[in-house]
Protein backbone atom coordinates (compact mmCIF):
# COMPACT_ATOMS: atom_id res chain seq x y z
CA MET A 1 256.39 210.20 196.87
CA LEU A 2 256.01 206.42 196.18
CA ARG A 3 253.41 206.33 198.90
CA TRP A 4 251.26 208.85 197.02
CA VAL A 5 251.37 207.13 193.90
CA LEU A 6 250.49 203.85 195.68
CA LEU A 7 247.50 205.35 197.39
CA ALA A 8 246.36 206.88 194.10
CA LEU A 9 246.66 203.50 192.42
CA PHE A 10 244.82 201.72 195.38
CA LEU A 11 242.01 204.19 195.13
CA GLY A 12 241.74 204.04 191.45
CA VAL A 13 241.42 200.17 191.53
CA CYS A 14 238.79 200.29 194.39
CA ALA A 15 236.72 202.88 192.42
CA GLY A 16 236.97 200.82 189.29
CA ALA A 17 235.74 197.67 191.20
CA GLY A 18 232.79 199.72 192.63
CA GLN A 19 231.71 200.68 188.98
CA GLN A 20 231.78 196.92 188.03
CA LYS A 21 229.46 196.14 190.96
CA LYS A 22 227.15 198.80 190.06
CA ILE A 23 226.98 197.76 186.49
CA SER A 24 226.15 193.98 187.24
CA LYS A 25 223.95 195.01 189.95
CA LYS A 26 221.67 196.78 187.63
CA ALA A 27 221.51 193.95 185.44
CA GLN A 28 220.82 191.48 188.27
CA SER A 29 218.15 194.17 189.51
CA LEU A 30 216.14 193.77 186.20
CA ALA A 31 216.05 190.06 186.57
CA ARG A 32 214.96 190.12 190.11
CA GLY A 33 215.89 186.49 190.38
CA TRP A 34 213.72 185.47 187.26
CA GLY A 35 216.79 184.46 185.21
CA ASP A 36 220.02 186.46 185.12
CA GLY A 37 220.76 184.98 181.45
CA ILE A 38 217.72 186.73 180.12
CA ASN A 39 217.75 190.14 178.64
CA TRP A 40 215.07 191.95 180.67
CA VAL A 41 213.56 195.45 179.50
CA GLU A 42 213.04 197.96 182.38
CA THR A 43 209.66 199.26 181.56
CA TYR A 44 206.39 198.28 179.70
CA GLU A 45 207.03 201.05 177.20
CA GLU A 46 210.51 199.66 176.50
CA GLY A 47 209.16 196.41 176.29
CA LEU A 48 206.49 197.42 173.76
CA SER A 49 209.13 199.35 171.54
CA LYS A 50 211.62 196.37 171.49
CA MET A 51 208.63 193.84 170.57
CA VAL A 52 207.60 195.95 167.49
CA GLU A 53 211.25 196.29 166.58
CA THR A 54 212.33 192.69 166.88
CA GLN A 55 208.82 191.11 166.11
CA LYS A 56 209.04 188.90 169.09
CA PRO A 57 206.24 188.71 171.52
CA LEU A 58 206.47 190.38 175.00
CA MET A 59 205.94 188.30 178.15
CA VAL A 60 204.99 190.20 181.09
CA ILE A 61 205.38 188.57 184.79
CA HIS A 62 203.42 190.90 187.54
CA HIS A 63 204.86 189.94 190.72
CA GLN A 64 205.78 191.15 194.28
CA GLU A 65 208.89 190.55 196.13
CA ASP A 66 207.08 189.57 199.37
CA CYS A 67 204.55 187.18 197.99
CA PRO A 68 205.07 183.65 198.87
CA HIS A 69 203.19 182.44 195.49
CA CYS A 70 205.38 184.61 193.45
CA GLN A 71 208.57 183.50 195.07
CA ALA A 72 207.58 179.71 194.56
CA LEU A 73 206.72 180.55 190.95
CA LYS A 74 210.06 182.34 190.32
CA LYS A 75 211.95 179.31 191.68
CA ALA A 76 210.19 177.03 189.34
CA PHE A 77 210.49 179.47 186.60
CA VAL A 78 214.35 179.60 187.06
CA ALA A 79 214.95 175.82 187.28
CA GLN A 80 213.02 175.15 184.15
CA LYS A 81 215.71 175.18 181.49
CA THR A 82 213.30 175.31 178.40
CA ILE A 83 211.45 178.20 179.89
CA GLN A 84 214.66 179.85 180.35
CA ARG A 85 215.87 179.32 176.91
CA MET A 86 212.64 180.45 175.27
CA ALA A 87 212.59 183.53 177.57
CA ARG A 88 216.02 184.36 176.42
CA ASP A 89 215.75 183.65 172.65
CA ASP A 90 212.02 183.95 171.75
CA PHE A 91 210.59 186.73 173.75
CA ILE A 92 211.02 190.30 174.93
CA MET A 93 210.85 189.91 178.80
CA LEU A 94 209.60 191.98 181.56
CA ASN A 95 208.87 191.41 184.98
CA LEU A 96 206.90 194.14 186.95
CA LEU A 97 206.69 195.01 190.77
CA VAL A 98 204.42 197.81 189.93
CA GLU A 99 201.24 197.96 187.63
CA THR A 100 201.16 199.30 184.30
CA THR A 101 198.70 202.04 183.29
CA ASP A 102 197.50 199.82 180.51
CA LYS A 103 194.25 198.53 181.74
CA ASN A 104 194.26 195.59 179.16
CA MET A 105 197.19 194.16 181.33
CA ALA A 106 194.74 193.22 184.09
CA PRO A 107 191.71 191.58 182.10
CA ASP A 108 190.37 189.77 185.16
CA GLY A 109 192.00 191.78 188.04
CA TYR A 110 195.03 193.09 189.65
CA TYR A 111 196.49 190.11 191.34
CA VAL A 112 200.05 188.40 191.39
CA PRO A 113 201.57 186.20 189.98
CA ARG A 114 200.07 186.67 186.73
CA ILE A 115 201.83 186.29 183.37
CA LEU A 116 200.35 187.84 179.99
CA PHE A 117 201.60 187.89 176.51
CA VAL A 118 201.48 190.75 173.98
CA ASP A 119 201.94 190.42 170.35
CA PRO A 120 203.76 192.88 168.02
CA SER A 121 200.55 194.35 167.00
CA ARG A 122 200.35 195.50 170.59
CA THR A 123 197.49 193.08 171.27
CA VAL A 124 197.32 191.69 174.69
CA ARG A 125 196.70 188.05 174.00
CA THR A 126 193.86 187.39 176.64
CA ASP A 127 193.15 184.13 175.06
CA ILE A 128 196.46 182.67 176.34
CA LYS A 129 195.42 181.80 179.92
CA GLY A 130 196.71 179.65 182.74
CA LYS A 131 194.77 176.72 184.15
CA TYR A 132 192.56 178.57 186.68
CA GLY A 133 189.33 180.08 186.07
CA ASN A 134 189.12 182.55 188.96
CA PHE A 135 192.59 183.89 188.32
CA GLY A 136 192.98 183.33 184.65
CA TYR A 137 196.60 184.39 184.13
CA THR A 138 198.28 182.73 187.26
CA TYR A 139 200.53 179.80 187.11
CA GLU A 140 201.64 177.55 190.17
CA PRO A 141 205.17 175.96 190.20
CA SER A 142 203.57 172.73 189.01
CA ASP A 143 202.26 174.40 185.87
CA MET A 144 205.67 174.85 184.07
CA THR A 145 204.85 172.46 181.41
CA PHE A 146 201.65 174.23 180.66
CA LEU A 147 203.33 177.65 180.70
CA ILE A 148 205.73 176.08 178.07
CA LYS A 149 202.76 175.09 175.99
CA ASN A 150 201.51 178.78 176.36
CA MET A 151 204.77 180.22 175.61
CA LYS A 152 204.87 178.11 172.28
CA ARG A 153 201.35 179.07 171.47
CA ALA A 154 202.20 182.77 171.88
CA LYS A 155 205.00 182.20 169.33
CA VAL A 156 202.72 180.51 166.85
CA LEU A 157 199.72 182.81 167.22
CA MET A 158 202.01 185.63 166.88
CA HIS A 159 203.32 184.39 163.41
CA THR A 160 200.00 183.29 162.02
CA ASP A 161 198.13 186.51 163.21
CA LEU A 162 200.47 189.00 161.47
């Protein structure tokens, strides 16, 4: 009898540990390596809804797992504490592996990596660009200071445009 009780207890503990792994794995899968301390939304539609509700701008990162430029940008993004703090506190954050159906999210084409901002009026801020003319919304790992400026600009424009 004691064996059966111990076996049931062991199975219960193992099942509970499996549930914990699933919960943390989902949160990590939404971050996809871009920052575990950030509350990521799962879909573009969810991001738009939370953006309107909180009146914080939406920052959308388009990337692919097998893209070396995306991986390099991700590493620089995670290493920059100011970006991580601003992303956590001041923005609704979404990283996408699949394109949205909103054509406004690709103002100069479908390439990765690219980062766009959307304000609470649901306007894609095509005026907030990276440094490169041919791929206007891309950033290199060395552009993190420029990305911080654009994040600050997205916040300021959001408050002055409403």
